């Protein structure tokens, strides 16, 4: 299992940060502008992906970065739930 994780992290390290940022902004905008439950589901799916990424990078992040990431993730989930309701 350790070998699989290192391969995944190596692949993530090679991804262009600008492309990831623009793709994430596009997904957030789709989630915000899509009506009702569809938009909320898109935002929750994005939050699930971010939780997986946060789980992988947690040990190497400083405490201040962890707090900021948790706050942003909480905000994203809150917006998704408001959109669904």
PDB file of N, CA and C in Angstrom:
ATOM      1  N   UNK A   1       0.827  -1.196   0.000  1.00  0.00           N
ATOM      2  CA  UNK A   1       0.000   0.000   0.000  1.00  0.00           C
ATOM      3  C   UNK A   1       0.872   1.261   0.000  1.00  0.00           C
ATOM      4  N   UNK A   2       1.974   1.226   0.688  1.00  0.00           N
ATOM      5  CA  UNK A   2       2.858   2.378   0.720  1.00  0.00           C
ATOM      6  C   UNK A   2       3.354   2.738  -0.680  1.00  0.00           C
ATOM      7  N   UNK A   3       3.657   1.738  -1.481  1.00  0.00           N
ATOM      8  CA  UNK A   3       4.142   1.993  -2.838  1.00  0.00           C
ATOM      9  C   UNK A   3       3.072   2.693  -3.673  1.00  0.00           C
ATOM     10  N   UNK A   4       1.822   2.286  -3.544  1.00  0.00           N
ATOM     11  CA  UNK A   4       0.725   2.912  -4.278  1.00  0.00           C
ATOM     12  C   UNK A   4       0.576   4.374  -3.890  1.00  0.00           C
ATOM     13  N   UNK A   5       0.680   4.662  -2.602  1.00  0.00           N
ATOM     14  CA  UNK A   5       0.551   6.043  -2.154  1.00  0.00           C
ATOM     15  C   UNK A   5       1.675   6.906  -2.697  1.00  0.00           C
ATOM     16  N   UNK A   6       2.885   6.401  -2.718  1.00  0.00           N
ATOM     17  CA  UNK A   6       3.984   7.204  -3.219  1.00  0.00           C
ATOM     18  C   UNK A   6       3.843   7.461  -4.719  1.00  0.00           C
ATOM     19  N   UNK A   7       3.308   6.499  -5.461  1.00  0.00           N
ATOM     20  CA  UNK A   7       3.075   6.698  -6.892  1.00  0.00           C
ATOM     21  C   UNK A   7       2.001   7.773  -7.099  1.00  0.00           C
ATOM     22  N   UNK A   8       0.951   7.707  -6.310  1.00  0.00           N
ATOM     23  CA  UNK A   8      -0.115   8.706  -6.416  1.00  0.00           C
ATOM     24  C   UNK A   8       0.406  10.099  -6.093  1.00  0.00           C
ATOM     25  N   UNK A   9       1.173  10.215  -5.025  1.00  0.00           N
ATOM     26  CA  UNK A   9       1.718  11.520  -4.662  1.00  0.00           C
ATOM     27  C   UNK A   9       2.699  12.032  -5.713  1.00  0.00           C
ATOM     28  N   UNK A  10       3.454  11.143  -6.307  1.00  0.00           N
ATOM     29  CA  UNK A  10       4.381  11.551  -7.364  1.00  0.00           C
ATOM     30  C   UNK A  10       3.609  12.070  -8.578  1.00  0.00           C
ATOM     31  N   UNK A  11       2.502  11.418  -8.914  1.00  0.00           N
ATOM     32  CA  UNK A  11       1.685  11.887 -10.045  1.00  0.00           C
ATOM     33  C   UNK A  11       1.061  13.236  -9.731  1.00  0.00           C
ATOM     34  N   UNK A  12       0.590  13.409  -8.496  1.00  0.00           N
ATOM     35  CA  UNK A  12      -0.002  14.693  -8.111  1.00  0.00           C
ATOM     36  C   UNK A  12       1.023  15.816  -8.138  1.00  0.00           C
ATOM     37  N   UNK A  13       2.253  15.505  -7.806  1.00  0.00           N
ATOM     38  CA  UNK A  13       3.306  16.518  -7.800  1.00  0.00           C
ATOM     39  C   UNK A  13       3.638  16.994  -9.211  1.00  0.00           C
ATOM     40  N   UNK A  14       3.378  16.178 -10.220  1.00  0.00           N
ATOM     41  CA  UNK A  14       3.684  16.556 -11.604  1.00  0.00           C
ATOM     42  C   UNK A  14       2.579  17.359 -12.284  1.00  0.00           C
ATOM     43  N   UNK A  15       1.429  17.459 -11.647  1.00  0.00           N
ATOM     44  CA  UNK A  15       0.307  18.163 -12.255  1.00  0.00           C
ATOM     45  C   UNK A  15       0.568  19.665 -12.227  1.00  0.00           C
ATOM     46  N   UNK A  16       0.214  20.333 -13.317  1.00  0.00           N
ATOM     47  CA  UNK A  16       0.387  21.776 -13.434  1.00  0.00           C
ATOM     48  C   UNK A  16      -0.585  22.484 -12.478  1.00  0.00           C
ATOM     49  N   UNK A  17      -0.082  23.274 -11.510  1.00  0.00           N
ATOM     50  CA  UNK A  17      -0.950  23.928 -10.539  1.00  0.00           C
ATOM     51  C   UNK A  17      -1.953  24.907 -11.163  1.00  0.00           C
ATOM     52  N   UNK A  18      -1.566  25.562 -12.229  1.00  0.00           N
ATOM     53  CA  UNK A  18      -2.473  26.503 -12.882  1.00  0.00           C
ATOM     54  C   UNK A  18      -3.674  25.779 -13.478  1.00  0.00           C
ATOM     55  N   UNK A  19      -3.437  24.647 -14.104  1.00  0.00           N
ATOM     56  CA  UNK A  19      -4.526  23.868 -14.685  1.00  0.00           C
ATOM     57  C   UNK A  19      -5.458  23.358 -13.590  1.00  0.00           C
ATOM     58  N   UNK A  20      -4.893  22.898 -12.490  1.00  0.00           N
ATOM     59  CA  UNK A  20      -5.711  22.413 -11.372  1.00  0.00           C
ATOM     60  C   UNK A  20      -6.552  23.551 -10.803  1.00  0.00           C
ATOM     61  N   UNK A  21      -5.963  24.714 -10.633  1.00  0.00           N
ATOM     62  CA  UNK A  21      -6.696  25.870 -10.107  1.00  0.00           C
ATOM     63  C   UNK A  21      -7.847  26.255 -11.034  1.00  0.00           C
ATOM     64  N   UNK A  22      -7.579  26.349 -12.324  1.00  0.00           N
ATOM     65  CA  UNK A  22      -8.625  26.733 -13.273  1.00  0.00           C
ATOM     66  C   UNK A  22      -9.733  25.684 -13.350  1.00  0.00           C
ATOM     67  N   UNK A  23      -9.365  24.420 -13.286  1.00  0.00           N
ATOM     68  CA  UNK A  23     -10.369  23.354 -13.304  1.00  0.00           C
ATOM     69  C   UNK A  23     -11.228  23.411 -12.041  1.00  0.00           C
ATOM     70  N   UNK A  24     -10.607  23.680 -10.911  1.00  0.00           N
ATOM     71  CA  UNK A  24     -11.348  23.778  -9.657  1.00  0.00           C
ATOM     72  C   UNK A  24     -12.291  24.978  -9.673  1.00  0.00           C
ATOM     73  N   UNK A  25     -11.830  26.093 -10.177  1.00  0.00           N
ATOM     74  CA  UNK A  25     -12.698  27.275 -10.291  1.00  0.00           C
ATOM     75  C   UNK A  25     -13.888  26.966 -11.200  1.00  0.00           C
ATOM     76  N   UNK A  26     -13.636  26.269 -12.291  1.00  0.00           N
ATOM     77  CA  UNK A  26     -14.732  25.911 -13.203  1.00  0.00           C
ATOM     78  C   UNK A  26     -15.745  25.002 -12.512  1.00  0.00           C
ATOM     79  N   UNK A  27     -15.277  24.033 -11.750  1.00  0.00           N
ATOM     80  CA  UNK A  27     -16.201  23.125 -11.047  1.00  0.00           C
ATOM     81  C   UNK A  27     -16.991  23.884  -9.991  1.00  0.00           C
ATOM     82  N   UNK A  28     -16.348  24.786  -9.270  1.00  0.00           N
ATOM     83  CA  UNK A  28     -17.056  25.591  -8.266  1.00  0.00           C
ATOM     84  C   UNK A  28     -18.115  26.461  -8.934  1.00  0.00           C
ATOM     85  N   UNK A  29     -17.783  27.082 -10.041  1.00  0.00           N
ATOM     86  CA  UNK A  29     -18.768  27.926 -10.737  1.00  0.00           C
ATOM     87  C   UNK A  29     -19.937  27.107 -11.257  1.00  0.00           C
ATOM     88  N   UNK A  30     -19.663  25.923 -11.784  1.00  0.00           N
ATOM     89  CA  UNK A  30     -20.754  25.038 -12.222  1.00  0.00           C
ATOM     90  C   UNK A  30     -21.635  24.690 -11.041  1.00  0.00           C
ATOM     91  N   UNK A  31     -21.015  24.361  -9.908  1.00  0.00           N
ATOM     92  CA  UNK A  31     -21.776  24.020  -8.713  1.00  0.00           C
ATOM     93  C   UNK A  31     -22.594  25.174  -8.189  1.00  0.00           C
ATOM     94  N   UNK A  32     -22.055  26.382  -8.265  1.00  0.00           N
ATOM     95  CA  UNK A  32     -22.790  27.551  -7.764  1.00  0.00           C
ATOM     96  C   UNK A  32     -23.932  27.965  -8.685  1.00  0.00           C
ATOM     97  N   UNK A  33     -23.739  27.820  -9.982  1.00  0.00           N
ATOM     98  CA  UNK A  33     -24.762  28.273 -10.920  1.00  0.00           C
ATOM     99  C   UNK A  33     -25.748  27.185 -11.324  1.00  0.00           C
ATOM    100  N   UNK A  34     -25.423  25.929 -11.075  1.00  0.00           N
ATOM    101  CA  UNK A  34     -26.370  24.850 -11.375  1.00  0.00           C
ATOM    102  C   UNK A  34     -27.521  24.927 -10.374  1.00  0.00           C
ATOM    103  N   UNK A  35     -28.721  24.584 -10.813  1.00  0.00           N
ATOM    104  CA  UNK A  35     -29.875  24.736  -9.930  1.00  0.00           C
ATOM    105  C   UNK A  35     -29.926  23.678  -8.824  1.00  0.00           C
ATOM    106  N   UNK A  36     -30.315  24.104  -7.636  1.00  0.00           N
ATOM    107  CA  UNK A  36     -30.664  23.258  -6.516  1.00  0.00           C
ATOM    108  C   UNK A  36     -29.742  22.105  -6.198  1.00  0.00           C
ATOM    109  N   UNK A  37     -30.334  20.920  -6.193  1.00  0.00           N
ATOM    110  CA  UNK A  37     -29.633  19.729  -5.730  1.00  0.00           C
ATOM    111  C   UNK A  37     -28.474  19.330  -6.653  1.00  0.00           C
ATOM    112  N   UNK A  38     -28.577  19.651  -7.920  1.00  0.00           N
ATOM    113  CA  UNK A  38     -27.488  19.323  -8.851  1.00  0.00           C
ATOM    114  C   UNK A  38     -26.233  20.114  -8.493  1.00  0.00           C
ATOM    115  N   UNK A  39     -26.396  21.397  -8.270  1.00  0.00           N
ATOM    116  CA  UNK A  39     -25.261  22.230  -7.884  1.00  0.00           C
ATOM    117  C   UNK A  39     -24.681  21.820  -6.547  1.00  0.00           C
ATOM    118  N   UNK A  40     -25.558  21.491  -5.598  1.00  0.00           N
ATOM    119  CA  UNK A  40     -25.088  21.029  -4.298  1.00  0.00           C
ATOM    120  C   UNK A  40     -24.322  19.724  -4.399  1.00  0.00           C
ATOM    121  N   UNK A  41     -24.791  18.836  -5.255  1.00  0.00           N
ATOM    122  CA  UNK A  41     -24.102  17.551  -5.444  1.00  0.00           C
ATOM    123  C   UNK A  41     -22.721  17.761  -6.066  1.00  0.00           C
ATOM    124  N   UNK A  42     -22.618  18.691  -6.998  1.00  0.00           N
ATOM    125  CA  UNK A  42     -21.314  18.989  -7.607  1.00  0.00           C
ATOM    126  C   UNK A  42     -20.362  19.541  -6.548  1.00  0.00           C
ATOM    127  N   UNK A  43     -20.853  20.424  -5.707  1.00  0.00           N
ATOM    128  CA  UNK A  43     -20.009  20.991  -4.661  1.00  0.00           C
ATOM    129  C   UNK A  43     -19.620  19.942  -3.620  1.00  0.00           C
ATOM    130  N   UNK A  44     -20.539  19.043  -3.282  1.00  0.00           N
ATOM    131  CA  UNK A  44     -20.209  17.977  -2.341  1.00  0.00           C
ATOM    132  C   UNK A  44     -19.204  17.002  -2.935  1.00  0.00           C
ATOM    133  N   UNK A  45     -19.302  16.743  -4.235  1.00  0.00           N
ATOM    134  CA  UNK A  45     -18.323  15.877  -4.888  1.00  0.00           C
ATOM    135  C   UNK A  45     -16.934  16.522  -4.862  1.00  0.00           C
ATOM    136  N   UNK A  46     -16.894  17.825  -5.095  1.00  0.00           N
ATOM    137  CA  UNK A  46     -15.624  18.551  -5.006  1.00  0.00           C
ATOM    138  C   UNK A  46     -15.082  18.486  -3.582  1.00  0.00           C
ATOM    139  N   UNK A  47     -15.949  18.648  -2.594  1.00  0.00           N
ATOM    140  CA  UNK A  47     -15.524  18.572  -1.198  1.00  0.00           C
ATOM    141  C   UNK A  47     -14.975  17.182  -0.877  1.00  0.00           C
ATOM    142  N   UNK A  48     -15.585  16.134  -1.405  1.00  0.00           N
ATOM    143  CA  UNK A  48     -15.097  14.774  -1.170  1.00  0.00           C
ATOM    144  C   UNK A  48     -13.693  14.593  -1.750  1.00  0.00           C
ATOM    145  N   UNK A  49     -13.467  15.141  -2.931  1.00  0.00           N
ATOM    146  CA  UNK A  49     -12.128  15.074  -3.526  1.00  0.00           C
ATOM    147  C   UNK A  49     -11.109  15.846  -2.703  1.00  0.00           C
ATOM    148  N   UNK A  50     -11.524  16.977  -2.180  1.00  0.00           N
ATOM    149  CA  UNK A  50     -10.614  17.763  -1.353  1.00  0.00           C
ATOM    150  C   UNK A  50     -10.320  17.076  -0.027  1.00  0.00           C
ATOM    151  N   UNK A  51     -11.302  16.367   0.530  1.00  0.00           N
ATOM    152  CA  UNK A  51     -11.063  15.601   1.757  1.00  0.00           C
ATOM    153  C   UNK A  51     -10.019  14.518   1.490  1.00  0.00           C
ATOM    154  N   UNK A  52     -10.125  13.845   0.358  1.00  0.00           N
ATOM    155  CA  UNK A  52      -9.148  12.810   0.015  1.00  0.00           C
ATOM    156  C   UNK A  52      -7.755  13.417  -0.128  1.00  0.00           C
ATOM    157  N   UNK A  53      -7.661  14.556  -0.782  1.00  0.00           N
ATOM    158  CA  UNK A  53      -6.367  15.224  -0.945  1.00  0.00           C
ATOM    159  C   UNK A  53      -5.836  15.715   0.400  1.00  0.00           C
ATOM    160  N   UNK A  54      -6.708  16.245   1.235  1.00  0.00           N
ATOM    161  CA  UNK A  54      -6.313  16.712   2.553  1.00  0.00           C
ATOM    162  C   UNK A  54      -5.790  15.556   3.408  1.00  0.00           C
ATOM    163  N   UNK A  55      -6.442  14.417   3.287  1.00  0.00           N
ATOM    164  CA  UNK A  55      -6.022  13.230   4.040  1.00  0.00           C
ATOM    165  C   UNK A  55      -4.621  12.777   3.616  1.00  0.00           C
ATOM    166  N   UNK A  56      -4.328  12.859   2.344  1.00  0.00           N
ATOM    167  CA  UNK A  56      -3.004  12.453   1.852  1.00  0.00           C
ATOM    168  C   UNK A  56      -1.902  13.412   2.283  1.00  0.00           C
ATOM    169  N   UNK A  57      -2.200  14.702   2.316  1.00  0.00           N
ATOM    170  CA  UNK A  57      -1.165  15.700   2.575  1.00  0.00           C
ATOM    171  C   UNK A  57      -1.115  16.164   4.026  1.00  0.00           C
ATOM    172  N   UNK A  58      -2.009  15.655   4.872  1.00  0.00           N
ATOM    173  CA  UNK A  58      -2.094  16.108   6.259  1.00  0.00           C
ATOM    174  C   UNK A  58      -0.759  16.027   7.013  1.00  0.00           C
ATOM    175  N   UNK A  59      -0.029  14.920   6.937  1.00  0.00           N
ATOM    176  CA  UNK A  59       1.201  14.816   7.749  1.00  0.00           C
ATOM    177  C   UNK A  59       2.282  15.833   7.400  1.00  0.00           C
ATOM    178  N   UNK A  60       2.286  16.347   6.200  1.00  0.00           N
ATOM    179  CA  UNK A  60       3.375  17.244   5.796  1.00  0.00           C
ATOM    180  C   UNK A  60       2.981  18.716   5.813  1.00  0.00           C
ATOM    181  N   UNK A  61       1.769  19.028   6.223  1.00  0.00           N
ATOM    182  CA  UNK A  61       1.317  20.411   6.260  1.00  0.00           C
ATOM    183  C   UNK A  61       1.543  21.023   7.640  1.00  0.00           C
ATOM    184  N   UNK A  62       1.956  22.285   7.690  1.00  0.00           N
ATOM    185  CA  UNK A  62       2.085  22.956   8.993  1.00  0.00           C
ATOM    186  C   UNK A  62       0.693  23.212   9.588  1.00  0.00           C
ATOM    187  N   UNK A  63       0.604  23.373  10.897  1.00  0.00           N
ATOM    188  CA  UNK A  63      -0.704  23.557  11.549  1.00  0.00           C
ATOM    189  C   UNK A  63      -1.528  24.724  10.995  1.00  0.00           C
ATOM    190  N   UNK A  64      -0.896  25.823  10.643  1.00  0.00           N
ATOM    191  CA  UNK A  64      -1.649  26.970  10.113  1.00  0.00           C
ATOM    192  C   UNK A  64      -2.316  26.612   8.788  1.00  0.00           C
ATOM    193  N   UNK A  65      -1.627  25.884   7.948  1.00  0.00           N
ATOM    194  CA  UNK A  65      -2.193  25.461   6.665  1.00  0.00           C
ATOM    195  C   UNK A  65      -3.338  24.486   6.880  1.00  0.00           C
ATOM    196  N   UNK A  66      -3.195  23.605   7.859  1.00  0.00           N
ATOM    197  CA  UNK A  66      -4.272  22.663   8.165  1.00  0.00           C
ATOM    198  C   UNK A  66      -5.549  23.393   8.568  1.00  0.00           C
ATOM    199  N   UNK A  67      -5.406  24.404   9.407  1.00  0.00           N
ATOM    200  CA  UNK A  67      -6.578  25.153   9.870  1.00  0.00           C
ATOM    201  C   UNK A  67      -7.253  25.862   8.710  1.00  0.00           C
ATOM    202  N   UNK A  68      -6.477  26.505   7.858  1.00  0.00           N
ATOM    203  CA  UNK A  68      -7.050  27.217   6.712  1.00  0.00           C
ATOM    204  C   UNK A  68      -7.773  26.246   5.787  1.00  0.00           C
ATOM    205  N   UNK A  69      -7.161  25.092   5.513  1.00  0.00           N
ATOM    206  CA  UNK A  69      -7.795  24.109   4.636  1.00  0.00           C
ATOM    207  C   UNK A  69      -9.078  23.568   5.238  1.00  0.00           C
ATOM    208  N   UNK A  70      -9.083  23.323   6.541  1.00  0.00           N
ATOM    209  CA  UNK A  70     -10.307  22.845   7.195  1.00  0.00           C
ATOM    210  C   UNK A  70     -11.409  23.903   7.156  1.00  0.00           C
ATOM    211  N   UNK A  71     -11.039  25.164   7.340  1.00  0.00           N
ATOM    212  CA  UNK A  71     -12.032  26.238   7.269  1.00  0.00           C
ATOM    213  C   UNK A  71     -12.630  26.361   5.866  1.00  0.00           C
ATOM    214  N   UNK A  72     -11.779  26.283   4.852  1.00  0.00           N
ATOM    215  CA  UNK A  72     -12.274  26.384   3.479  1.00  0.00           C
ATOM    216  C   UNK A  72     -13.151  25.187   3.116  1.00  0.00           C
ATOM    217  N   UNK A  73     -12.777  24.009   3.575  1.00  0.00           N
ATOM    218  CA  UNK A  73     -13.572  22.815   3.324  1.00  0.00           C
ATOM    219  C   UNK A  73     -14.923  22.915   4.028  1.00  0.00           C
ATOM    220  N   UNK A  74     -14.931  23.415   5.251  1.00  0.00           N
ATOM    221  CA  UNK A  74     -16.181  23.612   5.982  1.00  0.00           C
ATOM    222  C   UNK A  74     -17.084  24.612   5.262  1.00  0.00           C
ATOM    223  N   UNK A  75     -16.505  25.677   4.765  1.00  0.00           N
ATOM    224  CA  UNK A  75     -17.276  26.673   4.016  1.00  0.00           C
ATOM    225  C   UNK A  75     -17.867  26.065   2.746  1.00  0.00           C
ATOM    226  N   UNK A  76     -17.097  25.270   2.041  1.00  0.00           N
ATOM    227  CA  UNK A  76     -17.584  24.629   0.815  1.00  0.00           C
ATOM    228  C   UNK A  76     -18.738  23.680   1.116  1.00  0.00           C
ATOM    229  N   UNK A  77     -18.617  22.883   2.169  1.00  0.00           N
ATOM    230  CA  UNK A  77     -19.688  21.955   2.536  1.00  0.00           C
ATOM    231  C   UNK A  77     -20.927  22.729   2.974  1.00  0.00           C
ATOM    232  N   UNK A  78     -20.745  23.824   3.713  1.00  0.00           N
ATOM    233  CA  UNK A  78     -21.885  24.634   4.147  1.00  0.00           C
ATOM    234  C   UNK A  78     -22.627  25.226   2.949  1.00  0.00           C
ATOM    235  N   UNK A  79     -21.888  25.736   1.986  1.00  0.00           N
ATOM    236  CA  UNK A  79     -22.519  26.300   0.785  1.00  0.00           C
ATOM    237  C   UNK A  79     -23.260  25.205   0.026  1.00  0.00           C
ATOM    238  N   UNK A  80     -22.668  24.027  -0.069  1.00  0.00           N
ATOM    239  CA  UNK A  80     -23.321  22.920  -0.765  1.00  0.00           C
ATOM    240  C   UNK A  80     -24.620  22.525  -0.066  1.00  0.00           C
ATOM    241  N   UNK A  81     -24.594  22.453   1.247  1.00  0.00           N
ATOM    242  CA  UNK A  81     -25.801  22.078   1.984  1.00  0.00           C
ATOM    243  C   UNK A  81     -26.889  23.146   1.882  1.00  0.00           C
ATOM    244  N   UNK A  82     -26.508  24.399   1.915  1.00  0.00           N
ATOM    245  CA  UNK A  82     -27.491  25.479   1.735  1.00  0.00           C
ATOM    246  C   UNK A  82     -28.094  25.398   0.341  1.00  0.00           C
ATOM    247  N   UNK A  83     -27.277  25.086  -0.622  1.00  0.00           N
ATOM    248  CA  UNK A  83     -27.768  24.985  -2.003  1.00  0.00           C
ATOM    249  C   UNK A  83     -28.749  23.817  -2.142  1.00  0.00           C
ATOM    250  N   UNK A  84     -28.473  22.710  -1.465  1.00  0.00           N
ATOM    251  CA  UNK A  84     -29.365  21.554  -1.541  1.00  0.00           C
ATOM    252  C   UNK A  84     -30.688  21.855  -0.851  1.00  0.00           C
ATOM    253  N   UNK A  85     -30.631  22.509   0.289  1.00  0.00           N
ATOM    254  CA  UNK A  85     -31.851  22.802   1.026  1.00  0.00           C
ATOM    255  C   UNK A  85     -32.541  23.982   0.415  1.00  0.00           C
TER     256      UNK A  85
END
